[in-house]
Amino acid sequence: MSIHPREPDPAVPDEAGPAPDSSVRPPRGDLPQPSPSLGPKAADNDPVPDAADPARAESEYTTAIQELEDRWRRALADLDNLRKRHVRELERERMVERSRTAAAFLPVLDNLELALAHAGADSDAIVEGVRAVRDQAVNVLELLGYPRHAETGVAFDPARHEVVAVVQDLDAVPGTVVEVLRAGYGDAERQLRPAAVTVAKRE
């Protein structure tokens, strides 16, 4: 039996040989081009690198700190000036009030001098004149906000009275004022001085 060598099939390319000229290849211009939309796309929220100069940023921070220090120093200076001005105004107001109070007592002194000038006259007239001067002084204190209080028979009030003595008085209600030794001036909120009193002893 004779074996004839197999003739190569022209339609099947040889594994080791080149492809025949009759093979079909797509033209180079028809190759699919990559779509731009398929390329890499940066996310919208990707961090943007900071391109600022560190030296410039440090200089800006230093400038901001200096401005804040300047404002702080100016605020301290304004506060100190305000405090000094307030002290001056307060002292001026005190002087005005002192002079106003002293001026209110000048008529009282004038009337006392008139009473002393008539010391050789009728004694009853002198007593009445002194009493009138006393009432005038009491009126001045009341106008200044310190009314006189010298009542007896009222209940003892530690805000208005100062106990000098405690006495046994059967006719007085225990704990009430029996006698006023020195009148008081003012009220519970503004007390110029309390009244010196004797109080009936409690049973």
N, C-alpha and C. Protein backbone atom coordinates (compact mmCIF):
# COMPACT_ATOMS: atom_id res chain seq x y z
N MET A 1 0.87 -1.19 0.00
CA MET A 1 0.00 0.00 0.00
C MET A 1 0.88 1.21 0.00
N SER A 2 0.71 2.00 -0.98
CA SER A 2 1.57 3.20 -1.09
C SER A 2 0.90 4.39 -0.43
N ILE A 3 1.72 5.16 0.24
CA ILE A 3 1.19 6.36 0.95
C ILE A 3 1.63 7.58 0.18
N HIS A 4 0.65 8.29 -0.25
CA HIS A 4 0.96 9.55 -0.97
C HIS A 4 0.95 10.72 0.00
N PRO A 5 1.85 11.55 -0.11
CA PRO A 5 1.85 12.74 0.78
C PRO A 5 0.64 13.62 0.55
N ARG A 6 0.15 14.17 1.71
CA ARG A 6 -1.07 15.02 1.65
C ARG A 6 -0.71 16.39 1.13
N GLU A 7 -1.48 16.76 0.17
CA GLU A 7 -1.26 18.10 -0.39
C GLU A 7 -1.91 19.15 0.51
N PRO A 8 -1.25 20.16 0.70
CA PRO A 8 -1.82 21.21 1.57
C PRO A 8 -3.04 21.86 0.97
N ASP A 9 -3.98 22.08 1.86
CA ASP A 9 -5.24 22.71 1.43
C ASP A 9 -5.02 24.20 1.35
N PRO A 10 -5.25 24.79 0.21
CA PRO A 10 -5.00 26.24 0.10
C PRO A 10 -5.93 27.07 0.96
N ALA A 11 -7.12 26.54 1.37
CA ALA A 11 -8.07 27.33 2.18
C ALA A 11 -7.70 27.35 3.64
N VAL A 12 -6.88 26.38 4.09
CA VAL A 12 -6.50 26.27 5.51
C VAL A 12 -5.08 26.73 5.63
N PRO A 13 -4.82 27.73 6.39
CA PRO A 13 -3.44 28.23 6.50
C PRO A 13 -2.60 27.27 7.27
N ASP A 14 -1.36 27.25 6.89
CA ASP A 14 -0.42 26.39 7.59
C ASP A 14 -0.13 27.01 8.94
N GLU A 15 -0.07 26.18 9.98
CA GLU A 15 0.16 26.68 11.34
C GLU A 15 1.51 27.38 11.43
N ALA A 16 2.46 26.88 10.71
CA ALA A 16 3.78 27.47 10.80
C ALA A 16 4.00 28.53 9.75
N GLY A 17 3.21 28.58 8.70
CA GLY A 17 3.44 29.50 7.60
C GLY A 17 2.59 30.73 7.70
N PRO A 18 2.86 31.70 6.86
CA PRO A 18 2.09 32.94 6.86
C PRO A 18 0.73 32.75 6.28
N ALA A 19 -0.18 33.70 6.64
CA ALA A 19 -1.55 33.62 6.13
C ALA A 19 -1.53 33.91 4.66
N PRO A 20 -2.38 33.20 3.87
CA PRO A 20 -2.42 33.44 2.42
C PRO A 20 -2.87 34.84 2.11
N ASP A 21 -2.56 35.27 0.92
CA ASP A 21 -2.92 36.63 0.50
C ASP A 21 -4.41 36.82 0.39
N SER A 22 -5.16 35.70 0.26
CA SER A 22 -6.61 35.84 0.08
C SER A 22 -7.33 36.07 1.39
N SER A 23 -6.58 36.08 2.62
CA SER A 23 -7.27 36.31 3.91
C SER A 23 -7.77 37.75 3.97
N VAL A 24 -8.93 37.95 4.58
CA VAL A 24 -9.60 39.27 4.64
C VAL A 24 -9.23 39.95 5.94
N ARG A 25 -8.72 41.18 5.83
CA ARG A 25 -8.41 42.02 7.01
C ARG A 25 -9.17 43.34 6.90
N PRO A 26 -9.73 43.81 7.98
CA PRO A 26 -10.44 45.10 7.91
C PRO A 26 -9.46 46.23 7.70
N PRO A 27 -9.85 47.18 6.93
CA PRO A 27 -8.95 48.30 6.71
C PRO A 27 -8.64 49.04 8.02
N ARG A 28 -7.39 49.62 8.10
CA ARG A 28 -6.94 50.27 9.35
C ARG A 28 -7.81 51.44 9.72
N GLY A 29 -8.33 52.10 8.74
CA GLY A 29 -9.18 53.25 9.04
C GLY A 29 -10.50 52.86 9.65
N ASP A 30 -10.93 51.61 9.51
CA ASP A 30 -12.22 51.18 10.06
C ASP A 30 -12.10 50.61 11.47
N LEU A 31 -10.91 50.59 12.05
CA LEU A 31 -10.76 50.04 13.40
C LEU A 31 -11.54 50.92 14.38
N PRO A 32 -12.20 50.34 15.35
CA PRO A 32 -12.96 51.15 16.34
C PRO A 32 -12.03 51.98 17.20
N GLN A 33 -12.37 53.25 17.31
CA GLN A 33 -11.59 54.18 18.12
C GLN A 33 -12.15 54.25 19.53
N PRO A 34 -11.29 54.38 20.51
CA PRO A 34 -11.81 54.47 21.89
C PRO A 34 -12.64 55.72 22.08
N SER A 35 -13.78 55.53 22.70
CA SER A 35 -14.69 56.66 22.94
C SER A 35 -14.15 57.53 24.07
N PRO A 36 -14.27 58.85 23.93
CA PRO A 36 -13.78 59.72 25.02
C PRO A 36 -14.52 59.49 26.32
N SER A 37 -15.79 59.07 26.22
CA SER A 37 -16.56 58.87 27.44
C SER A 37 -16.10 57.66 28.21
N LEU A 38 -15.36 56.76 27.51
CA LEU A 38 -14.90 55.55 28.19
C LEU A 38 -13.58 55.76 28.88
N GLY A 39 -12.95 56.91 28.67
CA GLY A 39 -11.66 57.17 29.29
C GLY A 39 -11.80 57.46 30.77
N PRO A 40 -10.71 57.58 31.47
CA PRO A 40 -10.76 57.86 32.92
C PRO A 40 -11.34 59.24 33.17
N LYS A 41 -12.28 59.32 34.15
CA LYS A 41 -12.96 60.57 34.49
C LYS A 41 -12.76 60.85 35.97
N ALA A 42 -12.31 62.04 36.24
CA ALA A 42 -12.07 62.39 37.64
C ALA A 42 -13.40 62.63 38.31
N ALA A 43 -13.53 62.18 39.52
CA ALA A 43 -14.74 62.39 40.29
C ALA A 43 -14.84 63.85 40.70
N ASP A 44 -16.11 64.27 40.77
CA ASP A 44 -16.31 65.66 41.10
C ASP A 44 -15.83 65.99 42.50
N ASN A 45 -15.88 65.01 43.38
CA ASN A 45 -15.50 65.27 44.76
C ASN A 45 -14.07 64.89 45.07
N ASP A 46 -13.26 64.69 44.04
CA ASP A 46 -11.86 64.38 44.29
C ASP A 46 -11.20 65.60 44.92
N PRO A 47 -10.35 65.43 45.91
CA PRO A 47 -9.70 66.58 46.53
C PRO A 47 -8.76 67.27 45.57
N VAL A 48 -8.84 68.62 45.64
CA VAL A 48 -7.98 69.42 44.78
C VAL A 48 -6.71 69.74 45.57
N PRO A 49 -5.58 69.43 45.02
CA PRO A 49 -4.36 69.69 45.78
C PRO A 49 -4.18 71.18 46.02
N ASP A 50 -3.79 71.55 47.25
CA ASP A 50 -3.59 72.95 47.62
C ASP A 50 -2.26 73.43 47.04
N ALA A 51 -2.41 74.38 46.15
CA ALA A 51 -1.21 74.89 45.48
C ALA A 51 -0.66 76.13 46.16
N ALA A 52 -1.24 76.53 47.37
CA ALA A 52 -0.78 77.74 48.05
C ALA A 52 0.63 77.54 48.58
N ASP A 53 1.33 78.65 48.61
CA ASP A 53 2.69 78.61 49.10
C ASP A 53 2.66 78.58 50.63
N PRO A 54 3.29 77.62 51.29
CA PRO A 54 3.27 77.59 52.78
C PRO A 54 3.84 78.85 53.39
N ALA A 55 4.87 79.40 52.80
CA ALA A 55 5.45 80.63 53.34
C ALA A 55 4.46 81.79 53.26
N ARG A 56 3.70 81.85 52.17
CA ARG A 56 2.71 82.91 52.03
C ARG A 56 1.58 82.73 53.05
N ALA A 57 1.13 81.48 53.26
CA ALA A 57 0.08 81.23 54.24
C ALA A 57 0.53 81.62 55.64
N GLU A 58 1.77 81.29 55.98
CA GLU A 58 2.30 81.66 57.29
C GLU A 58 2.37 83.17 57.45
N SER A 59 2.74 83.86 56.38
CA SER A 59 2.78 85.32 56.43
C SER A 59 1.39 85.91 56.65
N GLU A 60 0.38 85.33 56.00
CA GLU A 60 -0.99 85.81 56.18
C GLU A 60 -1.45 85.59 57.61
N TYR A 61 -1.14 84.42 58.18
CA TYR A 61 -1.51 84.15 59.57
C TYR A 61 -0.83 85.14 60.52
N THR A 62 0.44 85.42 60.27
CA THR A 62 1.15 86.36 61.13
C THR A 62 0.53 87.75 61.05
N THR A 63 0.15 88.17 59.85
CA THR A 63 -0.49 89.47 59.69
C THR A 63 -1.83 89.53 60.42
N ALA A 64 -2.61 88.45 60.32
CA ALA A 64 -3.91 88.41 61.01
C ALA A 64 -3.73 88.48 62.52
N ILE A 65 -2.73 87.78 63.04
CA ILE A 65 -2.47 87.81 64.48
C ILE A 65 -2.05 89.21 64.93
N GLN A 66 -1.23 89.87 64.14
CA GLN A 66 -0.81 91.22 64.48
C GLN A 66 -1.99 92.18 64.49
N GLU A 67 -2.91 92.03 63.53
CA GLU A 67 -4.10 92.88 63.51
C GLU A 67 -4.96 92.65 64.75
N LEU A 68 -5.12 91.39 65.15
CA LEU A 68 -5.91 91.10 66.35
C LEU A 68 -5.25 91.67 67.60
N GLU A 69 -3.92 91.58 67.68
CA GLU A 69 -3.22 92.16 68.82
C GLU A 69 -3.38 93.68 68.85
N ASP A 70 -3.33 94.32 67.68
CA ASP A 70 -3.51 95.77 67.63
C ASP A 70 -4.92 96.15 68.09
N ARG A 71 -5.94 95.40 67.66
CA ARG A 71 -7.30 95.68 68.10
C ARG A 71 -7.44 95.49 69.61
N TRP A 72 -6.80 94.45 70.12
CA TRP A 72 -6.86 94.17 71.56
C TRP A 72 -6.23 95.32 72.36
N ARG A 73 -5.07 95.80 71.89
CA ARG A 73 -4.42 96.91 72.59
C ARG A 73 -5.27 98.18 72.51
N ARG A 74 -5.88 98.43 71.36
CA ARG A 74 -6.74 99.61 71.25
C ARG A 74 -7.95 99.50 72.17
N ALA A 75 -8.52 98.28 72.28
CA ALA A 75 -9.66 98.08 73.17
C ALA A 75 -9.26 98.31 74.62
N LEU A 76 -8.07 97.84 75.01
CA LEU A 76 -7.61 98.08 76.38
C LEU A 76 -7.40 99.57 76.64
N ALA A 77 -6.84 100.25 75.65
CA ALA A 77 -6.63 101.69 75.82
C ALA A 77 -7.96 102.44 75.94
N ASP A 78 -8.93 102.07 75.12
CA ASP A 78 -10.26 102.71 75.20
C ASP A 78 -10.91 102.43 76.55
N LEU A 79 -10.77 101.20 77.04
CA LEU A 79 -11.35 100.87 78.34
C LEU A 79 -10.70 101.66 79.46
N ASP A 80 -9.39 101.82 79.40
CA ASP A 80 -8.70 102.59 80.43
C ASP A 80 -9.11 104.06 80.38
N ASN A 81 -9.24 104.61 79.19
CA ASN A 81 -9.69 106.00 79.06
C ASN A 81 -11.12 106.16 79.58
N LEU A 82 -11.98 105.17 79.30
CA LEU A 82 -13.35 105.23 79.79
C LEU A 82 -13.39 105.18 81.32
N ARG A 83 -12.55 104.33 81.91
CA ARG A 83 -12.52 104.24 83.37
C ARG A 83 -12.06 105.56 83.99
N LYS A 84 -11.01 106.17 83.42
CA LYS A 84 -10.52 107.45 83.96
C LYS A 84 -11.58 108.54 83.81
N ARG A 85 -12.27 108.54 82.67
CA ARG A 85 -13.30 109.56 82.47
C ARG A 85 -14.46 109.36 83.45
N HIS A 86 -14.80 108.09 83.71
CA HIS A 86 -15.87 107.81 84.66
C HIS A 86 -15.49 108.28 86.06
N VAL A 87 -14.23 108.07 86.46
CA VAL A 87 -13.78 108.52 87.77
C VAL A 87 -13.88 110.04 87.87
N ARG A 88 -13.46 110.73 86.81
CA ARG A 88 -13.52 112.19 86.83
C ARG A 88 -14.97 112.67 86.91
N GLU A 89 -15.85 112.07 86.12
CA GLU A 89 -17.26 112.48 86.14
C GLU A 89 -17.91 112.19 87.48
N LEU A 90 -17.56 111.04 88.08
CA LEU A 90 -18.13 110.70 89.38
C LEU A 90 -17.69 111.69 90.45
N GLU A 91 -16.43 112.04 90.44
CA GLU A 91 -15.94 113.03 91.41
C GLU A 91 -16.59 114.39 91.19
N ARG A 92 -16.80 114.76 89.93
CA ARG A 92 -17.46 116.03 89.64
C ARG A 92 -18.91 116.02 90.14
N GLU A 93 -19.61 114.90 89.95
CA GLU A 93 -20.98 114.80 90.44
C GLU A 93 -21.03 114.87 91.96
N ARG A 94 -20.07 114.25 92.63
CA ARG A 94 -20.03 114.32 94.08
C ARG A 94 -19.83 115.76 94.55
N MET A 95 -18.96 116.48 93.90
CA MET A 95 -18.73 117.87 94.28
C MET A 95 -20.00 118.70 94.07
N VAL A 96 -20.70 118.44 92.98
CA VAL A 96 -21.94 119.18 92.71
C VAL A 96 -22.97 118.90 93.79
N GLU A 97 -23.12 117.63 94.18
CA GLU A 97 -24.11 117.27 95.20
C GLU A 97 -23.73 117.85 96.56
N ARG A 98 -22.43 117.82 96.89
CA ARG A 98 -22.01 118.41 98.17
C ARG A 98 -22.30 119.90 98.22
N SER A 99 -21.98 120.58 97.14
CA SER A 99 -22.24 122.03 97.11
C SER A 99 -23.74 122.32 97.15
N ARG A 100 -24.54 121.49 96.51
CA ARG A 100 -25.99 121.70 96.52
C ARG A 100 -26.56 121.49 97.93
N THR A 101 -26.05 120.47 98.62
CA THR A 101 -26.51 120.22 99.99
C THR A 101 -26.09 121.34 100.93
N ALA A 102 -24.83 121.78 100.78
CA ALA A 102 -24.36 122.87 101.63
C ALA A 102 -25.15 124.15 101.37
N ALA A 103 -25.49 124.40 100.09
CA ALA A 103 -26.26 125.60 99.77
C ALA A 103 -27.66 125.54 100.38
N ALA A 104 -28.21 124.32 100.51
CA ALA A 104 -29.54 124.18 101.10
C ALA A 104 -29.55 124.54 102.58
N PHE A 105 -28.41 124.41 103.26
CA PHE A 105 -28.35 124.72 104.69
C PHE A 105 -27.93 126.17 104.97
N LEU A 106 -27.58 126.92 103.94
CA LEU A 106 -27.20 128.31 104.17
C LEU A 106 -28.33 129.14 104.78
N PRO A 107 -29.58 129.01 104.34
CA PRO A 107 -30.65 129.77 105.02
C PRO A 107 -30.81 129.39 106.48
N VAL A 108 -30.55 128.11 106.81
CA VAL A 108 -30.63 127.69 108.22
C VAL A 108 -29.60 128.43 109.05
N LEU A 109 -28.37 128.52 108.52
CA LEU A 109 -27.33 129.25 109.24
C LEU A 109 -27.67 130.73 109.36
N ASP A 110 -28.25 131.29 108.31
CA ASP A 110 -28.63 132.71 108.38
C ASP A 110 -29.65 132.95 109.49
N ASN A 111 -30.64 132.07 109.61
CA ASN A 111 -31.66 132.24 110.64
C ASN A 111 -31.09 132.03 112.04
N LEU A 112 -30.12 131.11 112.17
CA LEU A 112 -29.48 130.94 113.48
C LEU A 112 -28.71 132.19 113.87
N GLU A 113 -28.07 132.81 112.92
CA GLU A 113 -27.35 134.05 113.22
C GLU A 113 -28.32 135.16 113.62
N LEU A 114 -29.47 135.20 112.98
CA LEU A 114 -30.48 136.20 113.36
C LEU A 114 -30.97 135.96 114.78
N ALA A 115 -31.16 134.67 115.12
CA ALA A 115 -31.62 134.35 116.48
C ALA A 115 -30.58 134.75 117.51
N LEU A 116 -29.31 134.50 117.22
CA LEU A 116 -28.25 134.89 118.15
C LEU A 116 -28.13 136.41 118.24
N ALA A 117 -28.40 137.10 117.15
CA ALA A 117 -28.32 138.56 117.16
C ALA A 117 -29.38 139.17 118.07
N HIS A 118 -30.50 138.49 118.27
CA HIS A 118 -31.58 138.98 119.13
C HIS A 118 -31.58 138.25 120.47
N ALA A 119 -30.42 137.85 120.93
CA ALA A 119 -30.34 137.09 122.18
C ALA A 119 -30.77 137.93 123.37
N GLY A 120 -30.64 139.25 123.30
CA GLY A 120 -31.04 140.10 124.42
C GLY A 120 -32.50 140.43 124.42
N ALA A 121 -33.24 140.02 123.47
CA ALA A 121 -34.66 140.34 123.39
C ALA A 121 -35.46 139.36 124.24
N ASP A 122 -36.74 139.28 123.96
CA ASP A 122 -37.64 138.41 124.71
C ASP A 122 -37.20 136.95 124.53
N SER A 123 -37.09 136.24 125.65
CA SER A 123 -36.65 134.84 125.60
C SER A 123 -37.64 133.96 124.85
N ASP A 124 -38.91 134.28 125.01
CA ASP A 124 -39.92 133.46 124.30
C ASP A 124 -39.76 133.62 122.78
N ALA A 125 -39.46 134.81 122.35
CA ALA A 125 -39.27 135.05 120.92
C ALA A 125 -38.03 134.30 120.43
N ILE A 126 -36.99 134.24 121.28
CA ILE A 126 -35.78 133.52 120.87
C ILE A 126 -36.08 132.03 120.74
N VAL A 127 -36.85 131.52 121.69
CA VAL A 127 -37.19 130.08 121.64
C VAL A 127 -38.00 129.79 120.39
N GLU A 128 -38.94 130.63 120.08
CA GLU A 128 -39.74 130.42 118.88
C GLU A 128 -38.88 130.53 117.62
N GLY A 129 -37.93 131.45 117.65
CA GLY A 129 -37.05 131.59 116.49
C GLY A 129 -36.17 130.36 116.29
N VAL A 130 -35.62 129.83 117.40
CA VAL A 130 -34.79 128.62 117.31
C VAL A 130 -35.63 127.44 116.84
N ARG A 131 -36.86 127.36 117.35
CA ARG A 131 -37.73 126.27 116.92
C ARG A 131 -38.03 126.38 115.42
N ALA A 132 -38.20 127.58 114.93
CA ALA A 132 -38.46 127.77 113.50
C ALA A 132 -37.25 127.36 112.67
N VAL A 133 -36.06 127.67 113.17
CA VAL A 133 -34.84 127.26 112.46
C VAL A 133 -34.72 125.75 112.44
N ARG A 134 -35.05 125.12 113.60
CA ARG A 134 -35.00 123.66 113.65
C ARG A 134 -35.95 123.04 112.63
N ASP A 135 -37.16 123.58 112.56
CA ASP A 135 -38.13 123.05 111.59
C ASP A 135 -37.64 123.25 110.15
N GLN A 136 -36.98 124.36 109.91
CA GLN A 136 -36.44 124.60 108.57
C GLN A 136 -35.36 123.58 108.22
N ALA A 137 -34.48 123.25 109.16
CA ALA A 137 -33.44 122.25 108.92
C ALA A 137 -34.05 120.87 108.69
N VAL A 138 -35.09 120.56 109.48
CA VAL A 138 -35.77 119.27 109.28
C VAL A 138 -36.39 119.20 107.89
N ASN A 139 -36.94 120.30 107.44
CA ASN A 139 -37.55 120.34 106.11
C ASN A 139 -36.49 120.14 105.02
N VAL A 140 -35.30 120.71 105.23
CA VAL A 140 -34.22 120.53 104.25
C VAL A 140 -33.82 119.06 104.16
N LEU A 141 -33.67 118.41 105.30
CA LEU A 141 -33.31 116.99 105.29
C LEU A 141 -34.39 116.14 104.63
N GLU A 142 -35.64 116.51 104.84
CA GLU A 142 -36.72 115.74 104.21
C GLU A 142 -36.69 115.92 102.69
N LEU A 143 -36.39 117.13 102.24
CA LEU A 143 -36.28 117.35 100.80
C LEU A 143 -35.11 116.57 100.21
N LEU A 144 -34.07 116.34 101.00
CA LEU A 144 -32.93 115.55 100.54
C LEU A 144 -33.20 114.05 100.58
N GLY A 145 -34.35 113.66 101.10
CA GLY A 145 -34.72 112.24 101.13
C GLY A 145 -34.54 111.58 102.47
N TYR A 146 -34.39 112.37 103.55
CA TYR A 146 -34.20 111.80 104.89
C TYR A 146 -35.21 112.42 105.85
N PRO A 147 -36.44 111.92 105.86
CA PRO A 147 -37.45 112.48 106.77
C PRO A 147 -37.14 112.15 108.22
N ARG A 148 -37.61 113.01 109.11
CA ARG A 148 -37.39 112.85 110.55
C ARG A 148 -38.41 111.87 111.11
N HIS A 149 -37.98 111.01 112.02
CA HIS A 149 -38.91 110.13 112.74
C HIS A 149 -38.51 110.08 114.21
N ALA A 150 -39.46 110.47 115.05
CA ALA A 150 -39.23 110.52 116.51
C ALA A 150 -40.54 110.20 117.22
N GLU A 151 -41.23 109.17 116.75
CA GLU A 151 -42.53 108.83 117.30
C GLU A 151 -42.37 107.91 118.51
N THR A 152 -43.27 108.05 119.45
CA THR A 152 -43.34 107.15 120.60
C THR A 152 -44.61 106.31 120.49
N GLY A 153 -44.60 105.18 121.19
CA GLY A 153 -45.77 104.30 121.16
C GLY A 153 -45.80 103.38 119.96
N VAL A 154 -44.81 103.45 119.08
CA VAL A 154 -44.76 102.57 117.91
C VAL A 154 -43.93 101.34 118.26
N ALA A 155 -44.13 100.28 117.48
CA ALA A 155 -43.38 99.05 117.73
C ALA A 155 -41.91 99.26 117.39
N PHE A 156 -41.07 98.63 118.17
CA PHE A 156 -39.63 98.75 117.93
C PHE A 156 -39.28 98.12 116.58
N ASP A 157 -38.52 98.87 115.76
CA ASP A 157 -38.08 98.42 114.45
C ASP A 157 -36.56 98.52 114.39
N PRO A 158 -35.86 97.40 114.34
CA PRO A 158 -34.38 97.48 114.33
C PRO A 158 -33.83 98.22 113.12
N ALA A 159 -34.62 98.36 112.06
CA ALA A 159 -34.14 99.10 110.89
C ALA A 159 -34.23 100.61 111.09
N ARG A 160 -35.02 101.06 112.08
CA ARG A 160 -35.23 102.49 112.29
C ARG A 160 -34.86 102.96 113.69
N HIS A 161 -34.70 102.00 114.62
CA HIS A 161 -34.46 102.37 116.01
C HIS A 161 -33.17 101.74 116.54
N GLU A 162 -32.56 102.44 117.46
CA GLU A 162 -31.40 101.94 118.19
C GLU A 162 -31.74 101.95 119.68
N VAL A 163 -31.74 100.79 120.30
CA VAL A 163 -32.13 100.69 121.71
C VAL A 163 -31.01 101.22 122.59
N VAL A 164 -31.37 102.20 123.41
CA VAL A 164 -30.43 102.74 124.38
C VAL A 164 -30.67 102.12 125.76
N ALA A 165 -31.94 101.89 126.07
CA ALA A 165 -32.29 101.31 127.38
C ALA A 165 -33.62 100.59 127.25
N VAL A 166 -33.80 99.62 128.14
CA VAL A 166 -35.07 98.90 128.26
C VAL A 166 -35.63 99.20 129.63
N VAL A 167 -36.87 99.69 129.70
CA VAL A 167 -37.48 100.13 130.96
C VAL A 167 -38.75 99.35 131.22
N GLN A 168 -39.12 99.31 132.53
CA GLN A 168 -40.37 98.69 132.92
C GLN A 168 -41.44 99.76 132.95
N ASP A 169 -42.40 99.66 132.07
CA ASP A 169 -43.47 100.66 131.98
C ASP A 169 -44.79 99.89 131.88
N LEU A 170 -45.57 99.96 132.94
CA LEU A 170 -46.83 99.22 132.97
C LEU A 170 -47.87 99.82 132.03
N ASP A 171 -47.71 101.10 131.71
CA ASP A 171 -48.69 101.76 130.84
C ASP A 171 -48.39 101.57 129.35
N ALA A 172 -47.22 101.03 129.03
CA ALA A 172 -46.80 100.87 127.63
C ALA A 172 -46.90 99.42 127.21
N VAL A 173 -47.17 99.23 125.95
CA VAL A 173 -47.21 97.88 125.40
C VAL A 173 -45.78 97.35 125.32
N PRO A 174 -45.53 96.14 125.80
CA PRO A 174 -44.16 95.62 125.74
C PRO A 174 -43.63 95.60 124.30
N GLY A 175 -42.37 96.01 124.15
CA GLY A 175 -41.74 96.02 122.83
C GLY A 175 -42.00 97.27 122.04
N THR A 176 -42.60 98.29 122.65
CA THR A 176 -42.85 99.55 121.95
C THR A 176 -41.89 100.62 122.45
N VAL A 177 -41.78 101.71 121.66
CA VAL A 177 -40.90 102.82 121.99
C VAL A 177 -41.57 103.68 123.06
N VAL A 178 -40.84 103.88 124.17
CA VAL A 178 -41.37 104.69 125.27
C VAL A 178 -40.89 106.13 125.16
N GLU A 179 -39.64 106.33 124.83
CA GLU A 179 -39.06 107.67 124.77
C GLU A 179 -38.04 107.71 123.64
N VAL A 180 -37.98 108.85 122.96
CA VAL A 180 -36.99 109.09 121.90
C VAL A 180 -35.96 110.05 122.44
N LEU A 181 -34.73 109.58 122.59
CA LEU A 181 -33.65 110.41 123.11
C LEU A 181 -32.95 111.19 122.00
N ARG A 182 -33.00 110.68 120.82
CA ARG A 182 -32.38 111.36 119.67
C ARG A 182 -33.14 110.97 118.43
N ALA A 183 -33.62 111.95 117.69
CA ALA A 183 -34.44 111.68 116.52
C ALA A 183 -33.63 110.99 115.43
N GLY A 184 -34.33 110.18 114.66
CA GLY A 184 -33.70 109.52 113.52
C GLY A 184 -34.12 110.18 112.22
N TYR A 185 -33.32 109.93 111.18
CA TYR A 185 -33.60 110.53 109.87
C TYR A 185 -33.40 109.48 108.78
N GLY A 186 -34.39 109.41 107.90
CA GLY A 186 -34.34 108.44 106.81
C GLY A 186 -35.43 107.41 106.96
N ASP A 187 -35.42 106.46 106.03
CA ASP A 187 -36.39 105.38 106.07
C ASP A 187 -35.65 104.05 106.07
N ALA A 188 -36.41 102.96 105.89
CA ALA A 188 -35.79 101.63 105.96
C ALA A 188 -34.79 101.42 104.84
N GLU A 189 -35.03 102.01 103.68
CA GLU A 189 -34.14 101.81 102.54
C GLU A 189 -32.93 102.75 102.57
N ARG A 190 -33.15 104.00 102.99
CA ARG A 190 -32.07 104.98 103.07
C ARG A 190 -32.07 105.58 104.47
N GLN A 191 -31.24 105.03 105.33
CA GLN A 191 -31.20 105.46 106.72
C GLN A 191 -29.98 106.35 106.95
N LEU A 192 -30.24 107.63 107.26
CA LEU A 192 -29.14 108.52 107.59
C LEU A 192 -28.60 108.19 108.98
N ARG A 193 -29.50 107.98 109.92
CA ARG A 193 -29.13 107.47 111.24
C ARG A 193 -30.40 106.98 111.92
N PRO A 194 -30.33 105.95 112.76
CA PRO A 194 -31.51 105.46 113.46
C PRO A 194 -31.82 106.36 114.67
N ALA A 195 -33.03 106.25 115.15
CA ALA A 195 -33.43 107.00 116.33
C ALA A 195 -32.98 106.25 117.58
N ALA A 196 -32.42 106.99 118.53
CA ALA A 196 -32.01 106.40 119.82
C ALA A 196 -33.23 106.41 120.74
N VAL A 197 -33.66 105.25 121.19
CA VAL A 197 -34.93 105.14 121.93
C VAL A 197 -34.75 104.24 123.13
N THR A 198 -35.73 104.38 124.05
CA THR A 198 -35.90 103.41 125.14
C THR A 198 -37.15 102.61 124.83
N VAL A 199 -37.08 101.32 125.15
CA VAL A 199 -38.15 100.39 124.77
C VAL A 199 -38.73 99.76 126.04
N ALA A 200 -40.05 99.55 126.02
CA ALA A 200 -40.72 98.90 127.15
C ALA A 200 -40.30 97.44 127.21
N LYS A 201 -40.06 96.98 128.42
CA LYS A 201 -39.59 95.61 128.62
C LYS A 201 -40.71 94.63 128.30
N ARG A 202 -40.33 93.53 127.68
CA ARG A 202 -41.30 92.47 127.38
C ARG A 202 -41.48 91.60 128.61
N GLU A 203 -42.70 91.15 128.80
CA GLU A 203 -43.00 90.28 129.94
C GLU A 203 -42.51 88.86 129.71
